Protein backbone atom coordinates (compact mmCIF):
# COMPACT_ATOMS: atom_id res chain seq x y z
CA UNK A 1 0.00 0.00 0.00
CA UNK A 2 1.38 3.35 -0.89
CA UNK A 3 0.88 6.57 1.06
CA UNK A 4 -2.05 7.79 -1.06
CA UNK A 5 -3.99 4.60 -0.34
CA UNK A 6 -3.21 4.98 3.37
CA UNK A 7 -4.70 8.48 3.39
CA UNK A 8 -7.83 7.24 1.66
CA UNK A 9 -8.16 4.36 4.10
CA UNK A 10 -8.07 6.67 7.13
CA UNK A 11 -10.10 9.75 6.36
CA UNK A 12 -11.21 11.58 9.52
CA UNK A 13 -14.18 13.11 7.71
CA UNK A 14 -15.53 9.67 6.79
CA UNK A 15 -15.05 8.48 10.35
CA UNK A 16 -16.88 11.56 11.66
CA UNK A 17 -19.73 11.16 9.16
CA UNK A 18 -20.11 7.50 10.10
CA UNK A 19 -19.99 8.06 13.86
CA UNK A 20 -22.40 11.01 14.12
CA UNK A 21 -25.57 8.95 13.48
CA UNK A 22 -24.40 6.35 16.00
CA UNK A 23 -23.86 9.00 18.68
CA UNK A 24 -27.20 10.67 17.90
CA UNK A 25 -29.01 7.32 18.15
CA UNK A 26 -27.23 6.52 21.41
CA UNK A 27 -28.11 9.94 22.83
CA UNK A 28 -31.77 9.54 21.85
CA UNK A 29 -31.89 6.08 23.40
CA UNK A 30 -30.38 7.28 26.68
CA UNK A 31 -32.61 10.37 26.76
CA UNK A 32 -35.70 8.23 26.18
CA UNK A 33 -34.68 5.79 28.91
CA UNK A 34 -34.04 8.65 31.32
CA UNK A 35 -37.44 10.18 30.54
CA UNK A 36 -39.22 6.86 31.06
CA UNK A 37 -37.45 6.31 34.38
CA UNK A 38 -38.24 9.88 35.46
CA UNK A 39 -41.93 9.40 34.64
CA UNK A 40 -42.07 6.08 36.48
CA UNK A 41 -40.54 7.60 39.61
CA UNK A 42 -42.77 10.65 39.35
CA UNK A 43 -45.92 8.54 39.03
CA UNK A 44 -44.82 6.32 41.90
CA UNK A 45 -44.27 9.26 44.25
CA UNK A 46 -47.59 10.82 43.20
CA UNK A 47 -49.47 7.58 43.89
CA UNK A 48 -47.67 7.12 47.21
CA UNK A 49 -48.62 10.63 48.28
CA UNK A 50 -52.32 10.19 47.55
CA UNK A 51 -52.89 6.49 48.35
CA UNK A 52 -54.21 7.28 51.86
CA UNK A 53 -57.02 9.36 50.35
CA UNK A 54 -58.31 6.66 47.97
CA UNK A 55 -61.03 5.63 50.43
CA UNK A 56 -62.37 9.15 50.98
CA UNK A 57 -65.05 9.08 48.32
CA UNK A 58 -64.82 11.68 45.58
PDB file of N, CA and C in Angstrom:
ATOM      1  N   UNK A   1       0.835  -1.176   0.000  1.00  0.00           N
ATOM      2  CA  UNK A   1       0.000   0.000   0.000  1.00  0.00           C
ATOM      3  C   UNK A   1       0.884   1.244   0.000  1.00  0.00           C
ATOM      4  N   UNK A   2       0.598   2.125  -0.892  1.00  0.00           N
ATOM      5  CA  UNK A   2       1.381   3.351  -0.892  1.00  0.00           C
ATOM      6  C   UNK A   2       0.715   4.409  -0.001  1.00  0.00           C
ATOM      7  N   UNK A   3       1.356   5.556   0.113  1.00  0.00           N
ATOM      8  CA  UNK A   3       0.882   6.568   1.059  1.00  0.00           C
ATOM      9  C   UNK A   3      -0.476   7.146   0.659  1.00  0.00           C
ATOM     10  N   UNK A   4      -0.767   7.248  -0.612  1.00  0.00           N
ATOM     11  CA  UNK A   4      -2.051   7.786  -1.064  1.00  0.00           C
ATOM     12  C   UNK A   4      -3.195   6.856  -0.649  1.00  0.00           C
ATOM     13  N   UNK A   5      -2.974   5.555  -0.766  1.00  0.00           N
ATOM     14  CA  UNK A   5      -3.993   4.598  -0.341  1.00  0.00           C
ATOM     15  C   UNK A   5      -4.179   4.649   1.174  1.00  0.00           C
ATOM     16  N   UNK A   6      -3.115   4.888   1.912  1.00  0.00           N
ATOM     17  CA  UNK A   6      -3.213   4.975   3.370  1.00  0.00           C
ATOM     18  C   UNK A   6      -4.072   6.186   3.769  1.00  0.00           C
ATOM     19  N   UNK A   7      -3.905   7.301   3.068  1.00  0.00           N
ATOM     20  CA  UNK A   7      -4.700   8.484   3.390  1.00  0.00           C
ATOM     21  C   UNK A   7      -6.171   8.254   3.072  1.00  0.00           C
ATOM     22  N   UNK A   8      -6.444   7.527   1.999  1.00  0.00           N
ATOM     23  CA  UNK A   8      -7.834   7.240   1.658  1.00  0.00           C
ATOM     24  C   UNK A   8      -8.452   6.259   2.653  1.00  0.00           C
ATOM     25  N   UNK A   9      -7.650   5.358   3.165  1.00  0.00           N
ATOM     26  CA  UNK A   9      -8.164   4.360   4.099  1.00  0.00           C
ATOM     27  C   UNK A   9      -8.535   5.004   5.429  1.00  0.00           C
ATOM     28  N   UNK A  10      -7.777   5.991   5.861  1.00  0.00           N
ATOM     29  CA  UNK A  10      -8.068   6.671   7.126  1.00  0.00           C
ATOM     30  C   UNK A  10      -8.387   8.124   6.828  1.00  0.00           C
ATOM     31  N   UNK A  11      -9.655   8.388   6.606  1.00  0.00           N
ATOM     32  CA  UNK A  11     -10.103   9.750   6.357  1.00  0.00           C
ATOM     33  C   UNK A  11     -10.943  10.189   7.550  1.00  0.00           C
ATOM     34  N   UNK A  12     -10.467  11.157   8.320  1.00  0.00           N
ATOM     35  CA  UNK A  12     -11.212  11.575   9.518  1.00  0.00           C
ATOM     36  C   UNK A  12     -12.633  12.057   9.217  1.00  0.00           C
ATOM     37  N   UNK A  13     -12.838  12.638   8.060  1.00  0.00           N
ATOM     38  CA  UNK A  13     -14.178  13.111   7.714  1.00  0.00           C
ATOM     39  C   UNK A  13     -15.141  11.941   7.551  1.00  0.00           C
ATOM     40  N   UNK A  14     -14.677  10.853   6.943  1.00  0.00           N
ATOM     41  CA  UNK A  14     -15.528   9.675   6.788  1.00  0.00           C
ATOM     42  C   UNK A  14     -15.836   9.060   8.149  1.00  0.00           C
ATOM     43  N   UNK A  15     -14.838   9.018   9.009  1.00  0.00           N
ATOM     44  CA  UNK A  15     -15.049   8.483  10.349  1.00  0.00           C
ATOM     45  C   UNK A  15     -16.057   9.341  11.104  1.00  0.00           C
ATOM     46  N   UNK A  16     -15.942  10.654  10.994  1.00  0.00           N
ATOM     47  CA  UNK A  16     -16.875  11.562  11.657  1.00  0.00           C
ATOM     48  C   UNK A  16     -18.286  11.386  11.108  1.00  0.00           C
ATOM     49  N   UNK A  17     -18.415  11.318   9.778  1.00  0.00           N
ATOM     50  CA  UNK A  17     -19.732  11.158   9.163  1.00  0.00           C
ATOM     51  C   UNK A  17     -20.367   9.817   9.534  1.00  0.00           C
ATOM     52  N   UNK A  18     -19.573   8.806   9.736  1.00  0.00           N
ATOM     53  CA  UNK A  18     -20.107   7.503  10.101  1.00  0.00           C
ATOM     54  C   UNK A  18     -20.467   7.432  11.578  1.00  0.00           C
ATOM     55  N   UNK A  19     -19.753   8.165  12.417  1.00  0.00           N
ATOM     56  CA  UNK A  19     -19.992   8.058  13.856  1.00  0.00           C
ATOM     57  C   UNK A  19     -21.079   8.992  14.360  1.00  0.00           C
ATOM     58  N   UNK A  20     -21.379  10.064  13.660  1.00  0.00           N
ATOM     59  CA  UNK A  20     -22.401  11.012  14.124  1.00  0.00           C
ATOM     60  C   UNK A  20     -23.765  10.341  14.273  1.00  0.00           C
ATOM     61  N   UNK A  21     -24.257   9.592  13.285  1.00  0.00           N
ATOM     62  CA  UNK A  21     -25.568   8.949  13.478  1.00  0.00           C
ATOM     63  C   UNK A  21     -25.588   7.953  14.639  1.00  0.00           C
ATOM     64  N   UNK A  22     -24.469   7.298  14.883  1.00  0.00           N
ATOM     65  CA  UNK A  22     -24.404   6.354  16.001  1.00  0.00           C
ATOM     66  C   UNK A  22     -24.513   7.108  17.319  1.00  0.00           C
ATOM     67  N   UNK A  23     -23.797   8.219  17.452  1.00  0.00           N
ATOM     68  CA  UNK A  23     -23.856   9.003  18.675  1.00  0.00           C
ATOM     69  C   UNK A  23     -25.238   9.641  18.873  1.00  0.00           C
ATOM     70  N   UNK A  24     -25.858  10.086  17.796  1.00  0.00           N
ATOM     71  CA  UNK A  24     -27.197  10.667  17.897  1.00  0.00           C
ATOM     72  C   UNK A  24     -28.194   9.596  18.345  1.00  0.00           C
ATOM     73  N   UNK A  25     -28.109   8.404  17.766  1.00  0.00           N
ATOM     74  CA  UNK A  25     -29.012   7.324  18.152  1.00  0.00           C
ATOM     75  C   UNK A  25     -28.784   6.922  19.609  1.00  0.00           C
ATOM     76  N   UNK A  26     -27.538   6.855  20.022  1.00  0.00           N
ATOM     77  CA  UNK A  26     -27.228   6.519  21.413  1.00  0.00           C
ATOM     78  C   UNK A  26     -27.756   7.584  22.361  1.00  0.00           C
ATOM     79  N   UNK A  27     -27.592   8.849  22.012  1.00  0.00           N
ATOM     80  CA  UNK A  27     -28.109   9.941  22.835  1.00  0.00           C
ATOM     81  C   UNK A  27     -29.627   9.870  22.940  1.00  0.00           C
ATOM     82  N   UNK A  28     -30.310   9.638  21.819  1.00  0.00           N
ATOM     83  CA  UNK A  28     -31.767   9.545  21.849  1.00  0.00           C
ATOM     84  C   UNK A  28     -32.235   8.366  22.684  1.00  0.00           C
ATOM     85  N   UNK A  29     -31.540   7.244  22.596  1.00  0.00           N
ATOM     86  CA  UNK A  29     -31.893   6.076  23.396  1.00  0.00           C
ATOM     87  C   UNK A  29     -31.741   6.375  24.882  1.00  0.00           C
ATOM     88  N   UNK A  30     -30.622   6.964  25.269  1.00  0.00           N
ATOM     89  CA  UNK A  30     -30.382   7.276  26.677  1.00  0.00           C
ATOM     90  C   UNK A  30     -31.353   8.350  27.191  1.00  0.00           C
ATOM     91  N   UNK A  31     -31.652   9.336  26.356  1.00  0.00           N
ATOM     92  CA  UNK A  31     -32.606  10.368  26.761  1.00  0.00           C
ATOM     93  C   UNK A  31     -33.998   9.773  26.938  1.00  0.00           C
ATOM     94  N   UNK A  32     -34.391   8.877  26.059  1.00  0.00           N
ATOM     95  CA  UNK A  32     -35.695   8.229  26.177  1.00  0.00           C
ATOM     96  C   UNK A  32     -35.760   7.373  27.433  1.00  0.00           C
ATOM     97  N   UNK A  33     -34.712   6.627  27.702  1.00  0.00           N
ATOM     98  CA  UNK A  33     -34.677   5.790  28.906  1.00  0.00           C
ATOM     99  C   UNK A  33     -34.731   6.659  30.158  1.00  0.00           C
ATOM    100  N   UNK A  34     -34.020   7.758  30.165  1.00  0.00           N
ATOM    101  CA  UNK A  34     -34.043   8.652  31.323  1.00  0.00           C
ATOM    102  C   UNK A  34     -35.431   9.254  31.515  1.00  0.00           C
ATOM    103  N   UNK A  35     -36.099   9.628  30.443  1.00  0.00           N
ATOM    104  CA  UNK A  35     -37.444  10.182  30.539  1.00  0.00           C
ATOM    105  C   UNK A  35     -38.426   9.140  31.073  1.00  0.00           C
ATOM    106  N   UNK A  36     -38.326   7.922  30.589  1.00  0.00           N
ATOM    107  CA  UNK A  36     -39.220   6.860  31.062  1.00  0.00           C
ATOM    108  C   UNK A  36     -38.996   6.600  32.542  1.00  0.00           C
ATOM    109  N   UNK A  37     -37.754   6.536  32.962  1.00  0.00           N
ATOM    110  CA  UNK A  37     -37.452   6.305  34.379  1.00  0.00           C
ATOM    111  C   UNK A  37     -37.952   7.485  35.220  1.00  0.00           C
ATOM    112  N   UNK A  38     -37.750   8.704  34.745  1.00  0.00           N
ATOM    113  CA  UNK A  38     -38.244   9.877  35.461  1.00  0.00           C
ATOM    114  C   UNK A  38     -39.752   9.826  35.625  1.00  0.00           C
ATOM    115  N   UNK A  39     -40.467   9.474  34.555  1.00  0.00           N
ATOM    116  CA  UNK A  39     -41.929   9.400  34.639  1.00  0.00           C
ATOM    117  C   UNK A  39     -42.379   8.294  35.580  1.00  0.00           C
ATOM    118  N   UNK A  40     -41.712   7.171  35.578  1.00  0.00           N
ATOM    119  CA  UNK A  40     -42.069   6.081  36.479  1.00  0.00           C
ATOM    120  C   UNK A  40     -41.897   6.504  37.932  1.00  0.00           C
ATOM    121  N   UNK A  41     -40.786   7.139  38.242  1.00  0.00           N
ATOM    122  CA  UNK A  41     -40.538   7.596  39.608  1.00  0.00           C
ATOM    123  C   UNK A  41     -41.537   8.679  39.996  1.00  0.00           C
ATOM    124  N   UNK A  42     -41.816   9.582  39.079  1.00  0.00           N
ATOM    125  CA  UNK A  42     -42.766  10.648  39.347  1.00  0.00           C
ATOM    126  C   UNK A  42     -44.160  10.082  39.623  1.00  0.00           C
ATOM    127  N   UNK A  43     -44.612   9.148  38.817  1.00  0.00           N
ATOM    128  CA  UNK A  43     -45.918   8.537  39.030  1.00  0.00           C
ATOM    129  C   UNK A  43     -45.949   7.753  40.333  1.00  0.00           C
ATOM    130  N   UNK A  44     -44.877   7.076  40.656  1.00  0.00           N
ATOM    131  CA  UNK A  44     -44.822   6.317  41.903  1.00  0.00           C
ATOM    132  C   UNK A  44     -44.949   7.244  43.116  1.00  0.00           C
ATOM    133  N   UNK A  45     -44.200   8.337  43.105  1.00  0.00           N
ATOM    134  CA  UNK A  45     -44.268   9.257  44.248  1.00  0.00           C
ATOM    135  C   UNK A  45     -45.637   9.923  44.340  1.00  0.00           C
ATOM    136  N   UNK A  46     -46.249  10.231  43.194  1.00  0.00           N
ATOM    137  CA  UNK A  46     -47.589  10.816  43.201  1.00  0.00           C
ATOM    138  C   UNK A  46     -48.594   9.831  43.806  1.00  0.00           C
ATOM    139  N   UNK A  47     -48.535   8.589  43.373  1.00  0.00           N
ATOM    140  CA  UNK A  47     -49.468   7.581  43.893  1.00  0.00           C
ATOM    141  C   UNK A  47     -49.227   7.308  45.373  1.00  0.00           C
ATOM    142  N   UNK A  48     -47.970   7.317  45.788  1.00  0.00           N
ATOM    143  CA  UNK A  48     -47.674   7.115  47.212  1.00  0.00           C
ATOM    144  C   UNK A  48     -48.228   8.260  48.051  1.00  0.00           C
ATOM    145  N   UNK A  49     -48.152   9.469  47.540  1.00  0.00           N
ATOM    146  CA  UNK A  49     -48.619  10.629  48.285  1.00  0.00           C
ATOM    147  C   UNK A  49     -50.126  10.581  48.497  1.00  0.00           C
ATOM    148  N   UNK A  50     -50.871  10.130  47.498  1.00  0.00           N
ATOM    149  CA  UNK A  50     -52.323  10.190  47.555  1.00  0.00           C
ATOM    150  C   UNK A  50     -52.991   8.864  47.868  1.00  0.00           C
ATOM    151  N   UNK A  51     -52.254   7.797  48.136  1.00  0.00           N
ATOM    152  CA  UNK A  51     -52.886   6.494  48.354  1.00  0.00           C
ATOM    153  C   UNK A  51     -53.731   6.454  49.622  1.00  0.00           C
ATOM    154  N   UNK A  52     -53.424   7.263  50.629  1.00  0.00           N
ATOM    155  CA  UNK A  52     -54.213   7.276  51.860  1.00  0.00           C
ATOM    156  C   UNK A  52     -55.585   7.900  51.646  1.00  0.00           C
ATOM    157  N   UNK A  53     -55.758   8.677  50.601  1.00  0.00           N
ATOM    158  CA  UNK A  53     -57.022   9.363  50.348  1.00  0.00           C
ATOM    159  C   UNK A  53     -57.908   8.620  49.353  1.00  0.00           C
ATOM    160  N   UNK A  54     -57.516   7.413  48.926  1.00  0.00           N
ATOM    161  CA  UNK A  54     -58.308   6.656  47.968  1.00  0.00           C
ATOM    162  C   UNK A  54     -59.675   6.286  48.542  1.00  0.00           C
ATOM    163  N   UNK A  55     -59.783   6.088  49.831  1.00  0.00           N
ATOM    164  CA  UNK A  55     -61.029   5.635  50.431  1.00  0.00           C
ATOM    165  C   UNK A  55     -61.954   6.777  50.837  1.00  0.00           C
ATOM    166  N   UNK A  56     -61.603   8.006  50.511  1.00  0.00           N
ATOM    167  CA  UNK A  56     -62.374   9.153  50.975  1.00  0.00           C
ATOM    168  C   UNK A  56     -63.676   9.374  50.217  1.00  0.00           C
ATOM    169  N   UNK A  57     -63.811   8.871  49.047  1.00  0.00           N
ATOM    170  CA  UNK A  57     -65.050   9.082  48.318  1.00  0.00           C
ATOM    171  C   UNK A  57     -64.825   9.694  46.958  1.00  0.00           C
ATOM    172  N   UNK A  58     -64.894  10.895  46.808  1.00  0.00           N
ATOM    173  CA  UNK A  58     -64.821  11.681  45.582  1.00  0.00           C
ATOM    174  C   UNK A  58     -64.224  11.012  44.420  1.00  0.00           C
TER     175      UNK A  58
END
